[in-house]
Amino acid sequence: LSIGKKAFSNCAELETVEFKGAVSGIEEGAFQNDKKLSAVTFAGTSAPDFGKYAFYGLTLETINIPSSLRKLGNNCFDENRWLSVNPLIIPEGVTEIPTQCFQFCYKLKKVVLPSTIKTIGILAFFDSLVDDMNFPEGLDSIGYLSMHGARLTEVVLPKTIKKIGFEAFGSNSKLK
């Protein structure tokens, strides 16, 4: 099953989605602006890629990200102010947290990045109030403003890091 571009976007009363079978992909804006969508469950064997804006602007509180996920699109979970999956575990195999992927996710507290991560994109966790995140060996780039406004208390960067962008960790009021 592949969920096409904007297939369920702007469905004002859609509250929960459960995928019981295999899902191969969720395309751009598939559930964009479904203001009441609060839970997404993958029950079958899935290897989806989440397209850009796939879950943008929801009241999403929970999602079980399949361990087979390999790609997140730009703005995928942007403006999910109630997303409170703690910890949010990004599966092994994902190499990038793209631009604005988890921007304005105010309820995220702990994020576990995989050993395969190479890049944290521009504004990836901007103003998301994350207070605990690992930065594994292999990570080489942290984009500008990517962790701006988070609530990190500690940042331990790997030896593999090559670039940290403008104000990447700016306005982290709890950083010691």
N, C-alpha and C. Protein backbone atom coordinates (compact mmCIF):
# COMPACT_ATOMS: atom_id res chain seq x y z
N LEU A 1 0.85 -1.19 0.00
CA LEU A 1 0.00 0.00 0.00
C LEU A 1 0.88 1.24 0.00
N SER A 2 0.62 2.12 -0.91
CA SER A 2 1.29 3.41 -0.95
C SER A 2 0.23 4.49 -0.79
N ILE A 3 0.47 5.41 0.13
CA ILE A 3 -0.47 6.51 0.37
C ILE A 3 0.01 7.69 -0.47
N GLY A 4 -0.79 8.09 -1.44
CA GLY A 4 -0.40 9.10 -2.41
C GLY A 4 -0.38 10.52 -1.87
N LYS A 5 0.13 11.39 -2.71
CA LYS A 5 0.27 12.81 -2.40
C LYS A 5 -1.07 13.41 -1.98
N LYS A 6 -1.10 13.96 -0.77
CA LYS A 6 -2.26 14.64 -0.19
C LYS A 6 -3.52 13.76 -0.15
N ALA A 7 -3.34 12.44 -0.08
CA ALA A 7 -4.46 11.49 -0.13
C ALA A 7 -5.51 11.75 0.95
N PHE A 8 -5.08 12.12 2.15
CA PHE A 8 -6.00 12.38 3.24
C PHE A 8 -5.81 13.78 3.82
N SER A 9 -5.28 14.70 3.07
CA SER A 9 -5.02 16.04 3.61
C SER A 9 -6.33 16.79 3.86
N ASN A 10 -6.29 17.64 4.87
CA ASN A 10 -7.41 18.51 5.22
C ASN A 10 -8.70 17.75 5.54
N CYS A 11 -8.57 16.58 6.15
CA CYS A 11 -9.74 15.81 6.61
C CYS A 11 -10.04 16.27 8.04
N ALA A 12 -10.98 17.16 8.17
CA ALA A 12 -11.23 17.87 9.42
C ALA A 12 -11.60 16.97 10.61
N GLU A 13 -12.19 15.82 10.37
CA GLU A 13 -12.65 14.98 11.47
C GLU A 13 -11.83 13.69 11.66
N LEU A 14 -10.81 13.47 10.86
CA LEU A 14 -9.98 12.27 10.97
C LEU A 14 -9.18 12.31 12.27
N GLU A 15 -9.37 11.29 13.14
CA GLU A 15 -8.73 11.30 14.47
C GLU A 15 -7.63 10.26 14.63
N THR A 16 -7.79 9.05 14.07
CA THR A 16 -6.77 8.01 14.21
C THR A 16 -6.64 7.26 12.88
N VAL A 17 -5.42 6.74 12.66
CA VAL A 17 -5.15 5.94 11.48
C VAL A 17 -4.36 4.72 11.93
N GLU A 18 -4.80 3.53 11.49
CA GLU A 18 -4.06 2.31 11.77
C GLU A 18 -3.84 1.57 10.46
N PHE A 19 -2.57 1.31 10.18
CA PHE A 19 -2.20 0.54 8.99
C PHE A 19 -1.99 -0.90 9.43
N LYS A 20 -2.86 -1.81 9.01
CA LYS A 20 -2.77 -3.21 9.43
C LYS A 20 -1.88 -4.03 8.51
N GLY A 21 -1.73 -3.61 7.28
CA GLY A 21 -0.90 -4.33 6.32
C GLY A 21 0.39 -3.57 6.04
N ALA A 22 1.13 -4.07 5.08
CA ALA A 22 2.39 -3.45 4.71
C ALA A 22 2.15 -2.10 4.03
N VAL A 23 3.01 -1.15 4.35
CA VAL A 23 2.95 0.19 3.77
C VAL A 23 4.31 0.46 3.13
N SER A 24 4.31 0.81 1.85
CA SER A 24 5.57 1.04 1.16
C SER A 24 5.99 2.50 1.17
N GLY A 25 5.05 3.39 1.33
CA GLY A 25 5.41 4.80 1.35
C GLY A 25 4.24 5.70 1.69
N ILE A 26 4.57 6.84 2.25
CA ILE A 26 3.58 7.87 2.56
C ILE A 26 4.09 9.13 1.88
N GLU A 27 3.41 9.55 0.84
CA GLU A 27 3.91 10.62 0.00
C GLU A 27 3.63 12.01 0.56
N GLU A 28 4.11 12.99 -0.15
CA GLU A 28 4.04 14.40 0.25
C GLU A 28 2.64 14.80 0.70
N GLY A 29 2.56 15.36 1.90
CA GLY A 29 1.33 15.94 2.42
C GLY A 29 0.18 14.96 2.61
N ALA A 30 0.47 13.68 2.70
CA ALA A 30 -0.60 12.66 2.75
C ALA A 30 -1.63 12.92 3.84
N PHE A 31 -1.20 13.40 4.99
CA PHE A 31 -2.12 13.68 6.10
C PHE A 31 -2.01 15.14 6.54
N GLN A 32 -1.51 15.98 5.70
CA GLN A 32 -1.26 17.38 6.03
C GLN A 32 -2.52 18.09 6.49
N ASN A 33 -2.39 18.82 7.59
CA ASN A 33 -3.45 19.67 8.14
C ASN A 33 -4.70 18.92 8.57
N ASP A 34 -4.57 17.65 8.94
CA ASP A 34 -5.69 16.91 9.53
C ASP A 34 -5.71 17.27 11.02
N LYS A 35 -6.36 18.35 11.35
CA LYS A 35 -6.25 19.00 12.66
C LYS A 35 -6.64 18.12 13.84
N LYS A 36 -7.42 17.07 13.64
CA LYS A 36 -7.82 16.21 14.75
C LYS A 36 -7.05 14.89 14.79
N LEU A 37 -6.17 14.64 13.83
CA LEU A 37 -5.42 13.38 13.79
C LEU A 37 -4.42 13.36 14.93
N SER A 38 -4.64 12.46 15.90
CA SER A 38 -3.80 12.41 17.09
C SER A 38 -2.98 11.13 17.24
N ALA A 39 -3.30 10.08 16.46
CA ALA A 39 -2.55 8.83 16.59
C ALA A 39 -2.44 8.12 15.24
N VAL A 40 -1.22 7.65 14.95
CA VAL A 40 -0.96 6.85 13.75
C VAL A 40 -0.24 5.59 14.19
N THR A 41 -0.76 4.43 13.76
CA THR A 41 -0.19 3.14 14.15
C THR A 41 0.13 2.31 12.92
N PHE A 42 1.32 1.74 12.92
CA PHE A 42 1.73 0.79 11.88
C PHE A 42 1.76 -0.59 12.52
N ALA A 43 0.79 -1.44 12.18
CA ALA A 43 0.69 -2.77 12.79
C ALA A 43 1.31 -3.85 11.91
N GLY A 44 1.34 -3.65 10.61
CA GLY A 44 1.90 -4.64 9.69
C GLY A 44 3.38 -4.43 9.48
N THR A 45 3.93 -5.24 8.61
CA THR A 45 5.34 -5.06 8.25
C THR A 45 5.40 -3.91 7.26
N SER A 46 6.16 -2.91 7.60
CA SER A 46 6.22 -1.71 6.79
C SER A 46 7.65 -1.33 6.51
N ALA A 47 7.87 -0.73 5.37
CA ALA A 47 9.16 -0.13 5.04
C ALA A 47 8.90 1.21 4.40
N PRO A 48 8.12 2.06 5.08
CA PRO A 48 7.74 3.30 4.42
C PRO A 48 8.83 4.36 4.45
N ASP A 49 8.78 5.21 3.45
CA ASP A 49 9.47 6.48 3.50
C ASP A 49 8.38 7.49 3.80
N PHE A 50 8.67 8.45 4.64
CA PHE A 50 7.70 9.50 4.94
C PHE A 50 8.07 10.71 4.08
N GLY A 51 7.19 11.11 3.18
CA GLY A 51 7.44 12.23 2.29
C GLY A 51 7.38 13.57 3.00
N LYS A 52 7.81 14.61 2.29
CA LYS A 52 7.78 15.94 2.89
C LYS A 52 6.34 16.33 3.21
N TYR A 53 6.18 17.00 4.33
CA TYR A 53 4.88 17.45 4.83
C TYR A 53 3.90 16.30 5.10
N ALA A 54 4.36 15.06 5.17
CA ALA A 54 3.47 13.90 5.31
C ALA A 54 2.54 14.03 6.51
N PHE A 55 3.07 14.49 7.64
CA PHE A 55 2.26 14.63 8.86
C PHE A 55 2.33 16.07 9.38
N TYR A 56 2.35 17.01 8.51
CA TYR A 56 2.52 18.42 8.85
C TYR A 56 1.25 19.01 9.48
N GLY A 57 1.43 19.78 10.54
CA GLY A 57 0.35 20.60 11.09
C GLY A 57 -0.78 19.83 11.75
N LEU A 58 -0.47 18.72 12.40
CA LEU A 58 -1.51 17.91 13.05
C LEU A 58 -1.53 18.15 14.55
N THR A 59 -2.46 17.48 15.21
CA THR A 59 -2.45 17.44 16.67
C THR A 59 -1.93 16.07 17.10
N LEU A 60 -1.07 15.50 16.27
CA LEU A 60 -0.52 14.17 16.49
C LEU A 60 0.17 14.08 17.84
N GLU A 61 -0.25 13.11 18.64
CA GLU A 61 0.37 12.86 19.94
C GLU A 61 1.27 11.64 19.90
N THR A 62 0.83 10.58 19.20
CA THR A 62 1.61 9.35 19.16
C THR A 62 1.73 8.81 17.74
N ILE A 63 2.87 8.20 17.50
CA ILE A 63 3.11 7.47 16.26
C ILE A 63 4.18 6.43 16.58
N ASN A 64 3.96 5.21 16.16
CA ASN A 64 5.01 4.21 16.31
C ASN A 64 5.78 4.17 15.00
N ILE A 65 6.93 4.79 14.98
CA ILE A 65 7.73 4.85 13.77
C ILE A 65 8.29 3.46 13.51
N PRO A 66 7.98 2.88 12.36
CA PRO A 66 8.46 1.52 12.06
C PRO A 66 9.98 1.44 12.03
N SER A 67 10.52 0.36 12.54
CA SER A 67 11.98 0.19 12.55
C SER A 67 12.55 0.09 11.14
N SER A 68 11.69 -0.16 10.16
CA SER A 68 12.12 -0.27 8.77
C SER A 68 12.17 1.08 8.04
N LEU A 69 11.76 2.16 8.70
CA LEU A 69 11.79 3.49 8.08
C LEU A 69 13.23 3.83 7.70
N ARG A 70 13.42 4.39 6.50
CA ARG A 70 14.76 4.77 6.06
C ARG A 70 14.87 6.24 5.67
N LYS A 71 13.74 6.90 5.42
CA LYS A 71 13.83 8.28 4.97
C LYS A 71 12.66 9.11 5.51
N LEU A 72 13.02 10.28 6.02
CA LEU A 72 12.06 11.29 6.46
C LEU A 72 12.12 12.46 5.49
N GLY A 73 10.98 13.01 5.13
CA GLY A 73 10.96 14.17 4.24
C GLY A 73 11.03 15.48 4.99
N ASN A 74 11.40 16.54 4.29
CA ASN A 74 11.40 17.89 4.88
C ASN A 74 10.03 18.18 5.49
N ASN A 75 10.02 18.82 6.63
CA ASN A 75 8.80 19.26 7.31
C ASN A 75 7.85 18.10 7.64
N CYS A 76 8.36 16.91 7.69
CA CYS A 76 7.53 15.71 7.86
C CYS A 76 6.60 15.80 9.08
N PHE A 77 7.15 16.20 10.22
CA PHE A 77 6.36 16.31 11.45
C PHE A 77 6.28 17.76 11.95
N ASP A 78 6.61 18.70 11.11
CA ASP A 78 6.62 20.11 11.46
C ASP A 78 5.26 20.53 12.02
N GLU A 79 5.30 21.33 13.07
CA GLU A 79 4.13 21.89 13.73
C GLU A 79 3.18 20.85 14.32
N ASN A 80 3.75 19.77 14.83
CA ASN A 80 3.00 18.80 15.62
C ASN A 80 3.24 19.15 17.09
N ARG A 81 2.59 20.17 17.53
CA ARG A 81 2.85 20.76 18.85
C ARG A 81 2.58 19.80 20.01
N TRP A 82 1.82 18.74 19.78
CA TRP A 82 1.46 17.81 20.86
C TRP A 82 2.19 16.48 20.77
N LEU A 83 3.07 16.31 19.76
CA LEU A 83 3.79 15.05 19.59
C LEU A 83 4.62 14.75 20.83
N SER A 84 4.22 13.72 21.55
CA SER A 84 4.87 13.43 22.84
C SER A 84 5.36 11.99 22.93
N VAL A 85 5.94 11.49 21.85
CA VAL A 85 6.56 10.17 21.85
C VAL A 85 7.92 10.34 22.54
N ASN A 86 8.04 9.85 23.76
CA ASN A 86 9.25 10.04 24.53
C ASN A 86 9.71 8.73 25.15
N PRO A 87 10.81 8.17 24.65
CA PRO A 87 11.70 8.79 23.68
C PRO A 87 11.23 8.58 22.25
N LEU A 88 11.58 9.52 21.40
CA LEU A 88 11.36 9.38 19.96
C LEU A 88 12.60 8.68 19.43
N ILE A 89 12.43 7.45 18.95
CA ILE A 89 13.56 6.66 18.47
C ILE A 89 13.56 6.68 16.95
N ILE A 90 14.60 7.25 16.40
CA ILE A 90 14.77 7.27 14.95
C ILE A 90 15.47 5.96 14.57
N PRO A 91 14.89 5.17 13.67
CA PRO A 91 15.43 3.84 13.38
C PRO A 91 16.81 3.83 12.72
N GLU A 92 17.54 2.74 12.97
CA GLU A 92 18.80 2.50 12.27
C GLU A 92 18.53 2.49 10.77
N GLY A 93 19.43 3.05 10.02
CA GLY A 93 19.27 3.14 8.57
C GLY A 93 18.93 4.54 8.11
N VAL A 94 18.31 5.33 8.98
CA VAL A 94 18.02 6.73 8.64
C VAL A 94 19.34 7.49 8.72
N THR A 95 19.65 8.25 7.66
CA THR A 95 20.92 8.97 7.60
C THR A 95 20.78 10.47 7.79
N GLU A 96 19.54 10.98 7.73
CA GLU A 96 19.35 12.42 7.82
C GLU A 96 18.05 12.76 8.53
N ILE A 97 18.12 13.76 9.40
CA ILE A 97 16.92 14.43 9.91
C ILE A 97 16.84 15.69 9.05
N PRO A 98 15.91 15.73 8.09
CA PRO A 98 15.93 16.81 7.11
C PRO A 98 15.40 18.15 7.64
N THR A 99 15.46 19.13 6.79
CA THR A 99 15.04 20.49 7.08
C THR A 99 13.66 20.54 7.73
N GLN A 100 13.57 21.20 8.87
CA GLN A 100 12.34 21.48 9.60
C GLN A 100 11.51 20.23 9.93
N CYS A 101 12.14 19.10 10.02
CA CYS A 101 11.42 17.84 10.20
C CYS A 101 10.60 17.80 11.50
N PHE A 102 11.19 18.23 12.60
CA PHE A 102 10.51 18.21 13.90
C PHE A 102 10.40 19.62 14.49
N GLN A 103 10.37 20.62 13.66
CA GLN A 103 10.25 22.01 14.10
C GLN A 103 8.92 22.21 14.84
N PHE A 104 8.95 22.93 15.93
CA PHE A 104 7.77 23.27 16.72
C PHE A 104 7.04 22.05 17.30
N CYS A 105 7.77 20.99 17.59
CA CYS A 105 7.20 19.83 18.30
C CYS A 105 7.50 20.03 19.79
N TYR A 106 6.67 20.79 20.45
CA TYR A 106 6.93 21.27 21.81
C TYR A 106 6.95 20.19 22.87
N LYS A 107 6.32 19.07 22.64
CA LYS A 107 6.23 18.03 23.67
C LYS A 107 7.34 16.98 23.57
N LEU A 108 8.17 17.05 22.52
CA LEU A 108 9.29 16.11 22.43
C LEU A 108 10.30 16.44 23.52
N LYS A 109 10.72 15.43 24.24
CA LYS A 109 11.70 15.63 25.31
C LYS A 109 12.99 14.88 25.05
N LYS A 110 12.88 13.63 24.62
CA LYS A 110 14.07 12.81 24.40
C LYS A 110 14.05 12.26 22.99
N VAL A 111 15.18 12.42 22.28
CA VAL A 111 15.33 11.90 20.93
C VAL A 111 16.55 10.99 20.90
N VAL A 112 16.37 9.79 20.34
CA VAL A 112 17.47 8.84 20.20
C VAL A 112 17.78 8.72 18.72
N LEU A 113 18.97 9.20 18.36
CA LEU A 113 19.41 9.15 16.96
C LEU A 113 20.17 7.84 16.71
N PRO A 114 20.04 7.27 15.50
CA PRO A 114 20.71 6.01 15.18
C PRO A 114 22.19 6.22 14.87
N SER A 115 22.93 5.14 14.89
CA SER A 115 24.36 5.21 14.56
C SER A 115 24.58 5.54 13.09
N THR A 116 23.54 5.42 12.27
CA THR A 116 23.64 5.70 10.83
C THR A 116 23.44 7.17 10.47
N ILE A 117 23.08 8.00 11.43
CA ILE A 117 22.77 9.40 11.15
C ILE A 117 24.03 10.15 10.72
N LYS A 118 23.93 10.92 9.65
CA LYS A 118 25.05 11.72 9.14
C LYS A 118 24.78 13.21 9.26
N THR A 119 23.51 13.59 9.10
CA THR A 119 23.17 15.00 9.01
C THR A 119 21.92 15.32 9.83
N ILE A 120 22.00 16.41 10.58
CA ILE A 120 20.82 17.02 11.19
C ILE A 120 20.62 18.32 10.42
N GLY A 121 19.53 18.41 9.69
CA GLY A 121 19.31 19.49 8.75
C GLY A 121 18.96 20.83 9.37
N ILE A 122 18.85 21.82 8.51
CA ILE A 122 18.51 23.19 8.88
C ILE A 122 17.15 23.20 9.60
N LEU A 123 17.11 23.84 10.78
CA LEU A 123 15.88 24.01 11.56
C LEU A 123 15.22 22.68 11.94
N ALA A 124 15.95 21.58 11.93
CA ALA A 124 15.38 20.24 12.12
C ALA A 124 14.57 20.11 13.41
N PHE A 125 15.08 20.66 14.51
CA PHE A 125 14.39 20.59 15.80
C PHE A 125 14.17 22.00 16.36
N PHE A 126 14.07 22.98 15.51
CA PHE A 126 13.92 24.38 15.92
C PHE A 126 12.73 24.54 16.88
N ASP A 127 12.99 25.11 18.04
CA ASP A 127 11.97 25.38 19.06
C ASP A 127 11.17 24.15 19.47
N SER A 128 11.80 22.99 19.46
CA SER A 128 11.09 21.78 19.83
C SER A 128 11.23 21.40 21.30
N LEU A 129 11.97 22.14 22.07
CA LEU A 129 12.10 21.97 23.51
C LEU A 129 12.68 20.61 23.93
N VAL A 130 13.40 19.94 23.04
CA VAL A 130 14.08 18.68 23.36
C VAL A 130 15.11 18.94 24.45
N ASP A 131 15.11 18.09 25.49
CA ASP A 131 16.11 18.28 26.55
C ASP A 131 17.14 17.16 26.63
N ASP A 132 16.98 16.12 25.82
CA ASP A 132 17.93 15.00 25.85
C ASP A 132 18.06 14.41 24.44
N MET A 133 19.28 14.45 23.90
CA MET A 133 19.53 13.89 22.57
C MET A 133 20.97 13.42 22.50
N ASN A 134 21.16 12.26 21.89
CA ASN A 134 22.50 11.77 21.65
C ASN A 134 22.99 12.28 20.29
N PHE A 135 24.29 12.41 20.14
CA PHE A 135 24.91 12.80 18.89
C PHE A 135 25.95 11.74 18.57
N PRO A 136 25.57 10.69 17.83
CA PRO A 136 26.44 9.52 17.67
C PRO A 136 27.63 9.74 16.74
N GLU A 137 28.66 8.90 16.93
CA GLU A 137 29.80 8.88 16.01
C GLU A 137 29.24 8.63 14.61
N GLY A 138 29.79 9.30 13.65
CA GLY A 138 29.31 9.21 12.27
C GLY A 138 28.57 10.48 11.86
N LEU A 139 28.00 11.19 12.83
CA LEU A 139 27.34 12.46 12.54
C LEU A 139 28.40 13.46 12.09
N ASP A 140 28.19 14.08 10.92
CA ASP A 140 29.21 15.02 10.45
C ASP A 140 28.71 16.45 10.26
N SER A 141 27.39 16.67 10.29
CA SER A 141 26.90 18.01 10.01
C SER A 141 25.64 18.31 10.83
N ILE A 142 25.64 19.49 11.46
CA ILE A 142 24.47 19.97 12.18
C ILE A 142 24.13 21.32 11.57
N GLY A 143 22.96 21.41 10.93
CA GLY A 143 22.57 22.60 10.18
C GLY A 143 22.27 23.81 11.04
N TYR A 144 22.23 24.96 10.38
CA TYR A 144 21.98 26.19 11.12
C TYR A 144 20.59 26.18 11.76
N LEU A 145 20.55 26.72 12.98
CA LEU A 145 19.34 26.82 13.79
C LEU A 145 18.67 25.46 14.08
N SER A 146 19.38 24.36 13.85
CA SER A 146 18.75 23.04 13.96
C SER A 146 18.29 22.69 15.37
N MET A 147 19.01 23.13 16.38
CA MET A 147 18.63 22.84 17.77
C MET A 147 18.29 24.14 18.51
N HIS A 148 18.09 25.21 17.79
CA HIS A 148 17.80 26.52 18.38
C HIS A 148 16.54 26.45 19.24
N GLY A 149 16.65 26.94 20.46
CA GLY A 149 15.50 26.98 21.36
C GLY A 149 15.21 25.67 22.07
N ALA A 150 16.05 24.65 21.86
CA ALA A 150 15.86 23.40 22.60
C ALA A 150 16.18 23.62 24.08
N ARG A 151 16.02 22.61 24.88
CA ARG A 151 16.30 22.71 26.32
C ARG A 151 17.39 21.73 26.73
N LEU A 152 18.35 21.50 25.83
CA LEU A 152 19.44 20.59 26.12
C LEU A 152 20.25 21.08 27.32
N THR A 153 20.64 20.17 28.18
CA THR A 153 21.49 20.53 29.31
C THR A 153 22.94 20.19 29.04
N GLU A 154 23.15 19.28 28.05
CA GLU A 154 24.50 18.83 27.73
C GLU A 154 24.56 18.47 26.25
N VAL A 155 25.69 18.78 25.62
CA VAL A 155 25.92 18.41 24.24
C VAL A 155 27.30 17.76 24.16
N VAL A 156 27.33 16.48 23.80
CA VAL A 156 28.60 15.78 23.60
C VAL A 156 28.67 15.44 22.11
N LEU A 157 29.56 16.11 21.42
CA LEU A 157 29.66 15.94 19.97
C LEU A 157 30.68 14.86 19.63
N PRO A 158 30.42 14.11 18.55
CA PRO A 158 31.34 13.05 18.15
C PRO A 158 32.59 13.62 17.45
N LYS A 159 33.62 12.81 17.37
CA LYS A 159 34.85 13.20 16.69
C LYS A 159 34.64 13.39 15.19
N THR A 160 33.56 12.81 14.67
CA THR A 160 33.29 12.85 13.23
C THR A 160 32.66 14.16 12.76
N ILE A 161 32.28 15.03 13.69
CA ILE A 161 31.58 16.26 13.31
C ILE A 161 32.52 17.19 12.52
N LYS A 162 32.02 17.69 11.39
CA LYS A 162 32.82 18.57 10.52
C LYS A 162 32.24 19.97 10.43
N LYS A 163 30.92 20.09 10.64
CA LYS A 163 30.30 21.40 10.48
C LYS A 163 29.15 21.57 11.46
N ILE A 164 29.16 22.72 12.12
CA ILE A 164 28.05 23.13 12.99
C ILE A 164 27.60 24.49 12.47
N GLY A 165 26.36 24.56 12.05
CA GLY A 165 25.85 25.78 11.42
C GLY A 165 25.56 26.92 12.37
N PHE A 166 25.27 28.07 11.78
CA PHE A 166 24.95 29.30 12.49
C PHE A 166 23.86 29.06 13.52
N GLU A 167 24.12 29.45 14.76
CA GLU A 167 23.20 29.35 15.88
C GLU A 167 22.55 27.97 16.01
N ALA A 168 23.28 26.94 15.63
CA ALA A 168 22.75 25.57 15.69
C ALA A 168 22.22 25.22 17.08
N PHE A 169 22.91 25.70 18.11
CA PHE A 169 22.49 25.43 19.49
C PHE A 169 22.11 26.74 20.21
N GLY A 170 21.81 27.76 19.46
CA GLY A 170 21.45 29.06 20.03
C GLY A 170 20.20 29.00 20.89
N SER A 171 20.16 29.85 21.91
CA SER A 171 19.00 29.99 22.81
C SER A 171 18.63 28.69 23.52
N ASN A 172 19.63 27.85 23.79
CA ASN A 172 19.42 26.68 24.66
C ASN A 172 19.63 27.15 26.09
N SER A 173 18.58 27.58 26.72
CA SER A 173 18.68 28.25 28.02
C SER A 173 19.15 27.35 29.15
N LYS A 174 19.10 26.03 28.96
CA LYS A 174 19.51 25.10 30.01
C LYS A 174 20.91 24.51 29.79
N LEU A 175 21.56 24.86 28.68
CA LEU A 175 22.86 24.30 28.35
C LEU A 175 23.93 24.78 29.33
N LYS A 176 24.63 23.81 29.90
CA LYS A 176 25.67 24.13 30.91
C LYS A 176 27.05 23.92 30.35
